[in-house]
Amino acid sequence: MSWGRQKYPRGTPTKGKRSRFESDVYDNALKRGHLVDYEPVDGHLPYVLYYIPDFVLPNGIIVEAKGFFPSEDRTKMLRVKKASPEADIRFVFQRDNKINKGSKTRYTDWAKKHGFIAVVGTSIPEAWFNEEPEE
């Protein structure tokens, strides 16, 4: 899947109404010398109308940065995965919270159960940048 490169991505997470956590993940990638496209204009995947990923790495890996991960977002991500099974979508969770108060399931448990790769922290793992793009 080709996302195309833009000299300047559609905004940066440090401007406008962007998530503070997304800003931190973005800034961390830049400080480490990595270029990522933030919500790329041409990075739409089918989802009812369209889904715009938080970040797309140069190798095509899609990264969602989540501080809070409500039921609506979990449902949306399952629908996106079903509509675009070829997409390599991964998560960076700010914390490994429980999906709801009464549950034992944590965000990373949910991700693993549904076939997503996920980490907890404030940065995209270096290994993700170093993976070869899938053909």
C-alpha atoms as a PDB file:
ATOM      1  CA  MET A   1       0.000   0.000   0.000  1.00  0.00           C
ATOM      2  CA  SER A   2       1.458   3.344  -0.982  1.00  0.00           C
ATOM      3  CA  TRP A   3       0.663   6.335   1.192  1.00  0.00           C
ATOM      4  CA  GLY A   4       2.686   8.834  -0.777  1.00  0.00           C
ATOM      5  CA  ARG A   5       4.977  11.362   0.876  1.00  0.00           C
ATOM      6  CA  GLN A   6       4.104  14.892   1.671  1.00  0.00           C
ATOM      7  CA  LYS A   7       6.747  17.448   2.411  1.00  0.00           C
ATOM      8  CA  TYR A   8       4.522  18.732   5.191  1.00  0.00           C
ATOM      9  CA  PRO A   9       1.973  16.327   6.683  1.00  0.00           C
ATOM     10  CA  ARG A  10      -1.582  17.538   7.203  1.00  0.00           C
ATOM     11  CA  GLY A  11      -0.884  19.502  10.339  1.00  0.00           C
ATOM     12  CA  THR A  12       1.161  18.289  13.196  1.00  0.00           C
ATOM     13  CA  PRO A  13      -0.211  16.952  16.428  1.00  0.00           C
ATOM     14  CA  THR A  14       1.286  19.947  18.224  1.00  0.00           C
ATOM     15  CA  LYS A  15      -1.075  22.380  16.479  1.00  0.00           C
ATOM     16  CA  GLY A  16      -4.842  22.703  16.548  1.00  0.00           C
ATOM     17  CA  LYS A  17      -7.152  20.241  18.242  1.00  0.00           C
ATOM     18  CA  ARG A  18      -4.785  17.277  18.417  1.00  0.00           C
ATOM     19  CA  SER A  19      -4.327  14.852  21.270  1.00  0.00           C
ATOM     20  CA  ARG A  20      -1.538  15.787  23.667  1.00  0.00           C
ATOM     21  CA  PHE A  21      -0.494  12.122  23.740  1.00  0.00           C
ATOM     22  CA  GLU A  22      -0.334  11.999  19.921  1.00  0.00           C
ATOM     23  CA  SER A  23       1.834  15.132  20.094  1.00  0.00           C
ATOM     24  CA  ASP A  24       4.206  13.433  22.523  1.00  0.00           C
ATOM     25  CA  VAL A  25       4.500  10.321  20.317  1.00  0.00           C
ATOM     26  CA  TYR A  26       5.060  12.496  17.229  1.00  0.00           C
ATOM     27  CA  ASP A  27       7.694  14.659  18.936  1.00  0.00           C
ATOM     28  CA  ASN A  28       9.470  11.573  20.243  1.00  0.00           C
ATOM     29  CA  ALA A  29       9.736  10.098  16.723  1.00  0.00           C
ATOM     30  CA  LEU A  30      11.088  13.378  15.336  1.00  0.00           C
ATOM     31  CA  LYS A  31      13.654  13.715  18.134  1.00  0.00           C
ATOM     32  CA  ARG A  32      14.946  10.262  17.213  1.00  0.00           C
ATOM     33  CA  GLY A  33      15.335  11.371  13.596  1.00  0.00           C
ATOM     34  CA  HIS A  34      12.331   9.524  12.123  1.00  0.00           C
ATOM     35  CA  LEU A  35       9.907  11.055   9.662  1.00  0.00           C
ATOM     36  CA  VAL A  36       6.276  10.023  10.112  1.00  0.00           C
ATOM     37  CA  ASP A  37       3.185  11.255   8.334  1.00  0.00           C
ATOM     38  CA  TYR A  38       0.625  12.523  10.824  1.00  0.00           C
ATOM     39  CA  GLU A  39      -2.957  11.884   9.667  1.00  0.00           C
ATOM     40  CA  PRO A  40      -1.897  11.885   6.009  1.00  0.00           C
ATOM     41  CA  VAL A  41      -4.454  13.300   3.602  1.00  0.00           C
ATOM     42  CA  ASP A  42      -3.990  10.371   1.220  1.00  0.00           C
ATOM     43  CA  GLY A  43      -3.836   7.805   4.022  1.00  0.00           C
ATOM     44  CA  HIS A  44      -7.537   6.984   4.090  1.00  0.00           C
ATOM     45  CA  LEU A  45      -8.627   3.420   4.686  1.00  0.00           C
ATOM     46  CA  PRO A  46     -12.257   2.430   4.181  1.00  0.00           C
ATOM     47  CA  TYR A  47     -14.358   2.677   7.340  1.00  0.00           C
ATOM     48  CA  VAL A  48     -17.973   3.592   6.825  1.00  0.00           C
ATOM     49  CA  LEU A  49     -16.748   6.756   5.129  1.00  0.00           C
ATOM     50  CA  TYR A  50     -13.027   6.937   5.901  1.00  0.00           C
ATOM     51  CA  TYR A  51     -10.575   6.360   8.716  1.00  0.00           C
ATOM     52  CA  ILE A  52      -7.476   8.530   9.008  1.00  0.00           C
ATOM     53  CA  PRO A  53      -4.632   6.868  10.921  1.00  0.00           C
ATOM     54  CA  ASP A  54      -2.646   8.833  13.497  1.00  0.00           C
ATOM     55  CA  PHE A  55       0.749   7.965  12.007  1.00  0.00           C
ATOM     56  CA  VAL A  56       2.074   6.129   8.969  1.00  0.00           C
ATOM     57  CA  LEU A  57       5.718   5.070   9.082  1.00  0.00           C
ATOM     58  CA  PRO A  58       7.837   5.139   5.905  1.00  0.00           C
ATOM     59  CA  ASN A  59       7.546   1.332   5.678  1.00  0.00           C
ATOM     60  CA  GLY A  60       3.723   1.520   5.670  1.00  0.00           C
ATOM     61  CA  ILE A  61       3.077   0.496   9.282  1.00  0.00           C
ATOM     62  CA  ILE A  62       0.071   2.356  10.673  1.00  0.00           C
ATOM     63  CA  VAL A  63       0.354   3.481  14.299  1.00  0.00           C
ATOM     64  CA  GLU A  64      -2.535   4.545  16.509  1.00  0.00           C
ATOM     65  CA  ALA A  65      -1.590   6.417  19.689  1.00  0.00           C
ATOM     66  CA  LYS A  66      -4.224   5.914  22.356  1.00  0.00           C
ATOM     67  CA  GLY A  67      -4.397   7.443  25.800  1.00  0.00           C
ATOM     68  CA  PHE A  68      -8.034   6.504  26.292  1.00  0.00           C
ATOM     69  CA  PHE A  69      -9.473   3.613  24.262  1.00  0.00           C
ATOM     70  CA  PRO A  70     -13.282   3.597  24.571  1.00  0.00           C
ATOM     71  CA  SER A  71     -15.609   0.957  23.193  1.00  0.00           C
ATOM     72  CA  GLU A  72     -16.451   3.100  20.147  1.00  0.00           C
ATOM     73  CA  ASP A  73     -12.787   3.272  19.160  1.00  0.00           C
ATOM     74  CA  ARG A  74     -12.284  -0.457  19.685  1.00  0.00           C
ATOM     75  CA  THR A  75     -15.285  -1.183  17.454  1.00  0.00           C
ATOM     76  CA  LYS A  76     -14.028   1.267  14.830  1.00  0.00           C
ATOM     77  CA  MET A  77     -10.596  -0.374  14.732  1.00  0.00           C
ATOM     78  CA  LEU A  78     -12.120  -3.832  14.292  1.00  0.00           C
ATOM     79  CA  ARG A  79     -14.177  -2.519  11.371  1.00  0.00           C
ATOM     80  CA  VAL A  80     -11.145  -0.874   9.804  1.00  0.00           C
ATOM     81  CA  LYS A  81      -9.185  -4.117  10.126  1.00  0.00           C
ATOM     82  CA  LYS A  82     -12.036  -6.062   8.552  1.00  0.00           C
ATOM     83  CA  ALA A  83     -12.308  -3.559   5.673  1.00  0.00           C
ATOM     84  CA  SER A  84      -8.523  -3.436   5.129  1.00  0.00           C
ATOM     85  CA  PRO A  85      -7.029  -6.730   6.312  1.00  0.00           C
ATOM     86  CA  GLU A  86      -3.771  -6.024   4.449  1.00  0.00           C
ATOM     87  CA  ALA A  87      -3.084  -2.945   6.601  1.00  0.00           C
ATOM     88  CA  ASP A  88      -0.497  -3.380   9.367  1.00  0.00           C
ATOM     89  CA  ILE A  89      -2.166  -1.440  12.192  1.00  0.00           C
ATOM     90  CA  ARG A  90      -0.417  -1.205  15.558  1.00  0.00           C
ATOM     91  CA  PHE A  91      -1.063   0.593  18.818  1.00  0.00           C
ATOM     92  CA  VAL A  92       0.977   2.654  21.255  1.00  0.00           C
ATOM     93  CA  PHE A  93      -1.035   2.874  24.467  1.00  0.00           C
ATOM     94  CA  GLN A  94      -0.204   5.528  27.026  1.00  0.00           C
ATOM     95  CA  ARG A  95      -1.161   3.121  29.824  1.00  0.00           C
ATOM     96  CA  ASP A  96      -2.340  -0.477  29.885  1.00  0.00           C
ATOM     97  CA  ASN A  97      -5.719   0.356  31.423  1.00  0.00           C
ATOM     98  CA  LYS A  98      -8.621  -2.033  31.791  1.00  0.00           C
ATOM     99  CA  ILE A  99     -11.097  -1.722  28.917  1.00  0.00           C
ATOM    100  CA  ASN A 100     -13.792  -0.913  31.498  1.00  0.00           C
ATOM    101  CA  LYS A 101     -14.107  -0.812  35.281  1.00  0.00           C
ATOM    102  CA  GLY A 102     -15.473  -4.329  35.736  1.00  0.00           C
ATOM    103  CA  SER A 103     -13.183  -6.056  33.246  1.00  0.00           C
ATOM    104  CA  LYS A 104      -9.910  -7.908  33.752  1.00  0.00           C
ATOM    105  CA  THR A 105      -9.071  -7.281  30.076  1.00  0.00           C
ATOM    106  CA  ARG A 106      -6.474  -4.599  29.507  1.00  0.00           C
ATOM    107  CA  TYR A 107      -5.852  -2.622  26.311  1.00  0.00           C
ATOM    108  CA  THR A 108      -2.924  -4.843  25.308  1.00  0.00           C
ATOM    109  CA  ASP A 109      -4.998  -7.985  25.989  1.00  0.00           C
ATOM    110  CA  TRP A 110      -7.713  -6.657  23.672  1.00  0.00           C
ATOM    111  CA  ALA A 111      -5.142  -5.845  20.976  1.00  0.00           C
ATOM    112  CA  LYS A 112      -3.533  -9.280  21.138  1.00  0.00           C
ATOM    113  CA  LYS A 113      -6.917 -11.031  21.079  1.00  0.00           C
ATOM    114  CA  HIS A 114      -7.809  -9.204  17.860  1.00  0.00           C
ATOM    115  CA  GLY A 115      -4.455  -9.664  16.131  1.00  0.00           C
ATOM    116  CA  PHE A 116      -2.998  -6.190  16.650  1.00  0.00           C
ATOM    117  CA  ILE A 117       0.551  -5.522  17.822  1.00  0.00           C
ATOM    118  CA  ALA A 118       0.614  -3.124  20.765  1.00  0.00           C
ATOM    119  CA  VAL A 119       3.044  -1.558  23.209  1.00  0.00           C
ATOM    120  CA  VAL A 120       2.709   0.675  26.244  1.00  0.00           C
ATOM    121  CA  GLY A 121       4.779   3.848  26.396  1.00  0.00           C
ATOM    122  CA  THR A 122       5.225   7.266  24.851  1.00  0.00           C
ATOM    123  CA  SER A 123       7.125   6.329  21.729  1.00  0.00           C
ATOM    124  CA  ILE A 124       6.907   4.178  18.658  1.00  0.00           C
ATOM    125  CA  PRO A 125       9.346   1.271  19.092  1.00  0.00           C
ATOM    126  CA  GLU A 126      12.565   1.675  17.116  1.00  0.00           C
ATOM    127  CA  ALA A 127      12.135  -1.850  15.715  1.00  0.00           C
ATOM    128  CA  TRP A 128       8.934  -0.779  13.959  1.00  0.00           C
ATOM    129  CA  PHE A 129      10.852   1.846  11.976  1.00  0.00           C
ATOM    130  CA  ASN A 130      13.453  -0.752  10.992  1.00  0.00           C
ATOM    131  CA  GLU A 131      11.027  -3.367   9.622  1.00  0.00           C
ATOM    132  CA  GLU A 132      11.071  -3.911   5.896  1.00  0.00           C
ATOM    133  CA  PRO A 133       7.899  -2.917   4.038  1.00  0.00           C
ATOM    134  CA  GLU A 134       5.663  -5.814   3.050  1.00  0.00           C
ATOM    135  CA  GLU A 135       5.307  -6.363  -0.666  1.00  0.00           C
END
